[in-house]
Amino acid sequence: MEFVAITKENIDQYCEFLDVDAVENIGRTNYRALAMLQGEDDAPKAWLIWKLIHAGHKEPTKAELMWFYAADVESGKMILEECAKKAAQKDVIASCFEFPAGEKETEIAALKEMGYQIREAESRDFVVTVADLDALSPNDRTASAPNLMSIGELTVNQFRKGIINCMYRGKEGLLEDLDSMPIIWFEPDVSCCIQIDGRVCGFLLVHKQPSERLDVELLYASEPASKQDMIGMIRYSVQKVIENHSRDTQILIRRCNDATRALTDRIFPGKKGAPAIIGEK
């Protein structure tokens, strides 16, 4: 068996084997990818992509397994062992994952044998469709915040200064590498911002995955009208998604804190996240 790091330089050799939404993350500063090969011309027996969390921060570094494939349990265990060795070089103290329930039985079996504590729970990811958004009341779809504009109206310099402002205040959303993401990473037709006196002081940033799913990556606005501004940006983006995307397009909202969970509960009462398998080690 041979382990090969998947990088921007060799990604073309592995694209056909990887998840379609995984490929674009290869080369990002906090992502790592590994393939286990058996013979030069064979498909990988296993591959794994993980993300470093808090790398370079004061907090202890963790690893989150993002995408995982194994042809059999033994191959899965072998690549997890190699991943653990590489993670230890980055002082990773713990690792975790969340995968959809009912999938990846082989991979879950390998994770269990490698000592992960596993449970089934509601997913942190809340997924709705454009049709769901279109069914909302007009009050949830009409933008009213002043100084609201598409990020497509910003210069690159204005965008960068707005991102620096977010990072300074500790607001990076789902992107620990937010400061290195270009403006073109985000969808200009649905992403928006609050600009006051030429300064960007709020963002709602959405990224379109290769699978066409829309992921909400950041929602933040500074005082004095942060709540009003965030509601205004949400309403703006909801309307733009309805106008610009097909009714079956999925939108993912990661409920990473109580405020996000309360927001989704208010807008979509009774709707829950899908069942997920969650593990930690």
Protein backbone atom coordinates (compact mmCIF):
# COMPACT_ATOMS: atom_id res chain seq x y z
CA MET A 1 0.00 0.00 0.00
CA GLU A 2 1.12 3.53 -0.74
CA PHE A 3 -0.20 6.74 0.82
CA VAL A 4 -0.23 9.84 -1.39
CA ALA A 5 -1.08 13.38 -0.33
CA ILE A 6 -3.67 14.87 -2.69
CA THR A 7 -2.68 18.43 -3.58
CA LYS A 8 -3.48 21.10 -6.14
CA GLU A 9 -0.60 19.72 -8.22
CA ASN A 10 -1.98 16.17 -8.55
CA ILE A 11 -5.72 16.65 -7.99
CA ASP A 12 -6.49 15.88 -11.66
CA GLN A 13 -5.48 12.27 -11.02
CA TYR A 14 -8.11 11.87 -8.30
CA CYS A 15 -11.08 14.04 -9.31
CA GLU A 16 -13.09 11.10 -10.65
CA PHE A 17 -12.87 9.29 -7.31
CA LEU A 18 -13.62 12.18 -4.93
CA ASP A 19 -16.94 13.66 -3.90
CA VAL A 20 -17.84 16.47 -6.30
CA ASP A 21 -18.00 19.02 -3.49
CA ALA A 22 -14.69 17.91 -2.00
CA VAL A 23 -12.45 18.73 -4.94
CA GLU A 24 -12.55 22.52 -4.75
CA ASN A 25 -11.27 22.43 -1.16
CA ILE A 26 -7.97 20.79 -2.09
CA GLY A 27 -5.25 23.39 -1.60
CA ARG A 28 -7.05 25.46 1.05
CA THR A 29 -4.73 26.29 3.94
CA ASN A 30 -6.53 24.25 6.60
CA TYR A 31 -7.55 21.24 4.47
CA ARG A 32 -5.58 18.03 4.03
CA ALA A 33 -6.28 15.07 1.74
CA LEU A 34 -4.83 11.58 1.52
CA ALA A 35 -5.30 8.62 -0.82
CA MET A 36 -4.29 5.00 -0.25
CA LEU A 37 -3.23 3.27 -3.45
CA GLN A 38 -2.69 -0.36 -4.40
CA GLY A 39 -0.98 -0.35 -7.77
CA GLU A 40 -0.44 2.66 -10.01
CA ASP A 41 -3.50 2.20 -12.23
CA ASP A 42 -6.06 1.20 -9.60
CA ALA A 43 -8.63 3.44 -7.97
CA PRO A 44 -7.74 4.40 -4.38
CA LYS A 45 -8.60 1.74 -1.83
CA ALA A 46 -9.44 4.60 0.50
CA TRP A 47 -9.30 8.38 0.60
CA LEU A 48 -9.84 10.91 3.33
CA ILE A 49 -10.15 14.69 3.46
CA TRP A 50 -9.97 16.46 6.80
CA LYS A 51 -9.99 20.02 8.06
CA LEU A 52 -7.80 21.49 10.78
CA ILE A 53 -9.74 23.53 13.33
CA HIS A 54 -8.05 26.31 15.35
CA ALA A 55 -4.72 25.69 13.59
CA GLY A 56 -2.44 28.57 14.49
CA HIS A 57 -4.88 29.84 17.14
CA LYS A 58 -4.55 29.85 20.91
CA GLU A 59 -7.11 27.06 21.20
CA PRO A 60 -5.95 23.42 20.85
CA THR A 61 -5.99 22.18 17.26
CA LYS A 62 -8.65 19.65 16.29
CA ALA A 63 -9.33 17.76 13.07
CA GLU A 64 -12.73 17.24 11.47
CA LEU A 65 -13.09 14.42 8.95
CA MET A 66 -15.02 15.98 6.08
CA TRP A 67 -15.13 13.31 3.34
CA PHE A 68 -14.19 9.63 3.71
CA TYR A 69 -14.26 6.60 1.43
CA ALA A 70 -12.98 3.09 2.08
CA ALA A 71 -13.42 0.02 -0.11
CA ASP A 72 -13.36 -2.18 3.00
CA VAL A 73 -13.00 -1.83 6.76
CA GLU A 74 -9.30 -2.74 6.82
CA SER A 75 -8.48 -0.08 4.21
CA GLY A 76 -10.46 2.42 6.23
CA LYS A 77 -8.51 1.62 9.38
CA MET A 78 -5.18 1.92 7.56
CA ILE A 79 -5.90 5.38 6.16
CA LEU A 80 -7.26 6.56 9.52
CA GLU A 81 -4.02 5.43 11.16
CA GLU A 82 -1.98 7.36 8.59
CA CYS A 83 -4.20 10.41 9.04
CA ALA A 84 -3.66 10.24 12.81
CA LYS A 85 0.12 10.25 12.30
CA LYS A 86 -0.06 13.32 10.07
CA ALA A 87 -2.48 15.07 12.43
CA ALA A 88 -0.10 14.48 15.34
CA GLN A 89 2.57 16.43 13.44
CA LYS A 90 0.18 19.43 13.62
CA ASP A 91 -0.40 18.92 17.37
CA VAL A 92 -3.99 17.82 16.82
CA ILE A 93 -5.45 16.74 20.16
CA ALA A 94 -8.84 15.39 19.01
CA SER A 95 -10.85 14.59 15.90
CA CYS A 96 -14.52 14.43 15.04
CA PHE A 97 -16.91 13.86 12.15
CA GLU A 98 -20.55 14.10 11.11
CA PHE A 99 -21.89 11.97 8.25
CA PRO A 100 -25.47 11.37 7.09
CA ALA A 101 -27.13 8.45 8.86
CA GLY A 102 -27.69 5.35 6.78
CA GLU A 103 -24.63 5.95 4.62
CA LYS A 104 -20.96 4.95 4.81
CA GLU A 105 -21.50 1.73 6.76
CA THR A 106 -18.02 0.47 5.89
CA GLU A 107 -16.38 3.74 6.92
CA ILE A 108 -18.38 3.92 10.18
CA ALA A 109 -17.29 0.39 11.03
CA ALA A 110 -13.64 1.38 10.50
CA LEU A 111 -14.10 4.48 12.68
CA LYS A 112 -15.61 2.38 15.48
CA GLU A 113 -12.68 -0.05 15.38
CA MET A 114 -10.31 2.93 15.57
CA GLY A 115 -11.85 4.01 18.85
CA TYR A 116 -14.27 6.76 17.85
CA GLN A 117 -17.22 7.25 20.20
CA ILE A 118 -20.22 7.25 17.87
CA ARG A 119 -23.84 8.28 18.32
CA GLU A 120 -26.85 9.12 16.16
CA ALA A 121 -28.33 12.60 16.46
CA GLU A 122 -30.02 15.38 14.52
CA SER A 123 -27.64 16.96 12.02
CA ARG A 124 -26.24 20.40 12.75
CA ASP A 125 -26.92 21.15 9.08
CA PHE A 126 -30.37 22.49 8.27
CA VAL A 127 -31.27 22.03 4.60
CA VAL A 128 -34.21 23.65 2.83
CA THR A 129 -35.09 24.17 -0.82
CA VAL A 130 -35.94 27.25 -2.82
CA ALA A 131 -39.53 25.96 -2.81
CA ASP A 132 -39.47 26.10 1.02
CA LEU A 133 -38.24 29.69 0.88
CA ASP A 134 -40.90 30.60 -1.67
CA ALA A 135 -43.56 29.37 0.78
CA LEU A 136 -42.45 31.83 3.49
CA SER A 137 -44.62 34.78 4.37
CA PRO A 138 -43.83 38.06 2.59
CA ASN A 139 -42.50 39.47 5.88
CA ASP A 140 -39.61 37.01 5.72
CA ARG A 141 -38.81 37.85 2.10
CA THR A 142 -38.88 41.65 1.93
CA ALA A 143 -35.58 43.42 2.62
CA SER A 144 -35.90 46.62 4.59
CA ALA A 145 -32.47 47.34 6.07
CA PRO A 146 -30.89 50.61 4.93
CA ASN A 147 -27.46 50.59 3.29
CA LEU A 148 -28.02 47.04 1.98
CA MET A 149 -26.29 46.00 -1.23
CA SER A 150 -25.02 43.00 -3.19
CA ILE A 151 -21.37 42.12 -2.70
CA GLY A 152 -21.15 42.40 -6.48
CA GLU A 153 -21.27 46.17 -6.00
CA LEU A 154 -18.15 46.18 -3.82
CA THR A 155 -14.61 46.72 -5.00
CA VAL A 156 -12.12 44.02 -4.04
CA ASN A 157 -10.53 46.48 -1.60
CA GLN A 158 -13.88 47.22 0.08
CA PHE A 159 -14.59 43.50 0.37
CA ARG A 160 -11.18 42.79 1.91
CA LYS A 161 -11.55 45.59 4.45
CA GLY A 162 -14.98 44.21 5.40
CA ILE A 163 -13.52 40.74 5.89
CA ILE A 164 -10.68 42.14 8.01
CA ASN A 165 -13.30 43.86 10.17
CA CYS A 166 -15.10 40.53 10.66
CA MET A 167 -11.88 38.69 11.52
CA TYR A 168 -10.86 41.42 13.97
CA ARG A 169 -14.14 40.92 15.81
CA GLY A 170 -13.70 37.14 15.82
CA LYS A 171 -16.45 36.56 13.26
CA GLU A 172 -15.39 34.08 10.60
CA GLY A 173 -18.54 32.01 10.21
CA LEU A 174 -17.76 28.55 8.86
CA LEU A 175 -14.46 29.63 7.31
CA GLU A 176 -11.38 29.68 9.51
CA ASP A 177 -9.53 30.71 6.36
CA LEU A 178 -12.04 33.50 5.63
CA ASP A 179 -9.25 36.04 5.25
CA SER A 180 -7.78 34.05 2.33
CA MET A 181 -11.02 33.45 0.41
CA PRO A 182 -11.46 35.64 -2.70
CA ILE A 183 -14.69 37.50 -3.34
CA ILE A 184 -15.41 35.17 -6.28
CA TRP A 185 -15.78 32.27 -3.81
CA PHE A 186 -19.17 33.76 -2.90
CA GLU A 187 -22.28 34.04 -5.05
CA PRO A 188 -22.81 37.71 -5.94
CA ASP A 189 -26.48 37.25 -6.83
CA VAL A 190 -27.44 36.16 -3.30
CA SER A 191 -24.59 37.35 -1.04
CA CYS A 192 -25.00 40.83 0.39
CA CYS A 193 -23.56 43.32 2.84
CA ILE A 194 -24.30 46.41 4.92
CA GLN A 195 -22.22 49.44 4.01
CA ILE A 196 -22.26 52.63 6.11
CA ASP A 197 -20.22 55.69 5.15
CA GLY A 198 -18.20 53.59 2.72
CA ARG A 199 -17.30 50.95 5.33
CA VAL A 200 -18.61 47.38 5.18
CA CYS A 201 -19.91 46.43 8.62
CA GLY A 202 -22.01 43.35 7.88
CA PHE A 203 -22.05 40.34 5.54
CA LEU A 204 -24.29 37.49 4.52
CA LEU A 205 -22.02 35.32 2.37
CA VAL A 206 -23.21 32.32 0.38
CA HIS A 207 -21.04 29.84 -1.53
CA LYS A 208 -22.37 27.67 -4.35
CA GLN A 209 -20.99 24.14 -4.22
CA PRO A 210 -20.15 22.27 -7.44
CA SER A 211 -23.27 20.17 -6.68
CA GLU A 212 -25.27 23.44 -6.97
CA ARG A 213 -26.16 23.48 -3.27
CA LEU A 214 -25.96 26.93 -1.67
CA ASP A 215 -24.12 27.07 1.66
CA VAL A 216 -24.50 30.02 4.04
CA GLU A 217 -20.91 30.65 5.14
CA LEU A 218 -21.15 33.85 7.19
CA LEU A 219 -23.84 36.05 8.73
CA TYR A 220 -22.62 38.98 10.77
CA ALA A 221 -23.39 42.63 11.36
CA SER A 222 -21.84 45.02 13.86
CA GLU A 223 -23.65 47.37 16.22
CA PRO A 224 -25.60 49.57 16.64
CA ALA A 225 -28.30 47.90 14.49
CA SER A 226 -26.85 44.42 14.12
CA LYS A 227 -30.10 42.48 14.63
CA GLN A 228 -32.05 44.69 12.22
CA ASP A 229 -29.25 44.52 9.65
CA MET A 230 -28.97 40.74 9.84
CA ILE A 231 -32.72 40.30 9.40
CA GLY A 232 -32.59 42.66 6.42
CA MET A 233 -29.75 40.70 4.81
CA ILE A 234 -31.57 37.40 5.35
CA ARG A 235 -34.71 38.75 3.68
CA TYR A 236 -32.67 40.14 0.79
CA SER A 237 -30.88 36.83 0.19
CA VAL A 238 -34.08 34.80 0.47
CA GLN A 239 -35.70 36.88 -2.26
CA LYS A 240 -32.63 36.75 -4.50
CA VAL A 241 -32.37 32.97 -4.15
CA ILE A 242 -36.02 32.64 -5.18
CA GLU A 243 -35.46 34.91 -8.18
CA ASN A 244 -32.23 33.33 -9.41
CA HIS A 245 -32.34 29.60 -8.59
CA SER A 246 -34.56 26.64 -9.43
CA ARG A 247 -37.13 25.47 -6.90
CA ASP A 248 -35.29 22.24 -6.13
CA THR A 249 -31.98 23.99 -5.30
CA GLN A 250 -30.90 23.16 -1.76
CA ILE A 251 -29.73 25.74 0.78
CA LEU A 252 -27.61 24.60 3.74
CA ILE A 253 -27.55 26.52 7.02
CA ARG A 254 -25.14 25.19 9.64
CA ARG A 255 -26.61 25.66 13.11
CA CYS A 256 -23.30 26.24 14.83
CA ASN A 257 -24.73 28.13 17.81
CA ASP A 258 -27.95 28.73 19.73
CA ALA A 259 -28.70 31.95 17.83
CA THR A 260 -28.65 30.17 14.45
CA ARG A 261 -30.81 27.34 15.80
CA ALA A 262 -33.33 29.83 17.21
CA LEU A 263 -33.43 31.60 13.84
CA THR A 264 -34.17 28.43 11.84
CA ASP A 265 -36.75 27.36 14.44
CA ARG A 266 -38.54 30.70 14.03
CA ILE A 267 -38.52 30.78 10.23
CA PHE A 268 -39.20 27.04 9.75
CA PRO A 269 -41.17 25.92 12.83
CA GLY A 270 -41.26 22.16 13.28
CA LYS A 271 -38.63 21.42 10.61
CA LYS A 272 -35.65 19.39 11.80
CA GLY A 273 -32.23 18.47 10.52
CA ALA A 274 -31.72 15.03 8.97
CA PRO A 275 -30.46 12.12 11.11
CA ALA A 276 -26.67 12.03 11.32
CA ILE A 277 -23.90 9.82 12.67
CA ILE A 278 -21.57 11.85 14.88
CA GLY A 279 -18.25 10.67 16.24
CA GLU A 280 -15.39 11.94 18.40
CA LYS A 281 -12.03 10.68 19.51
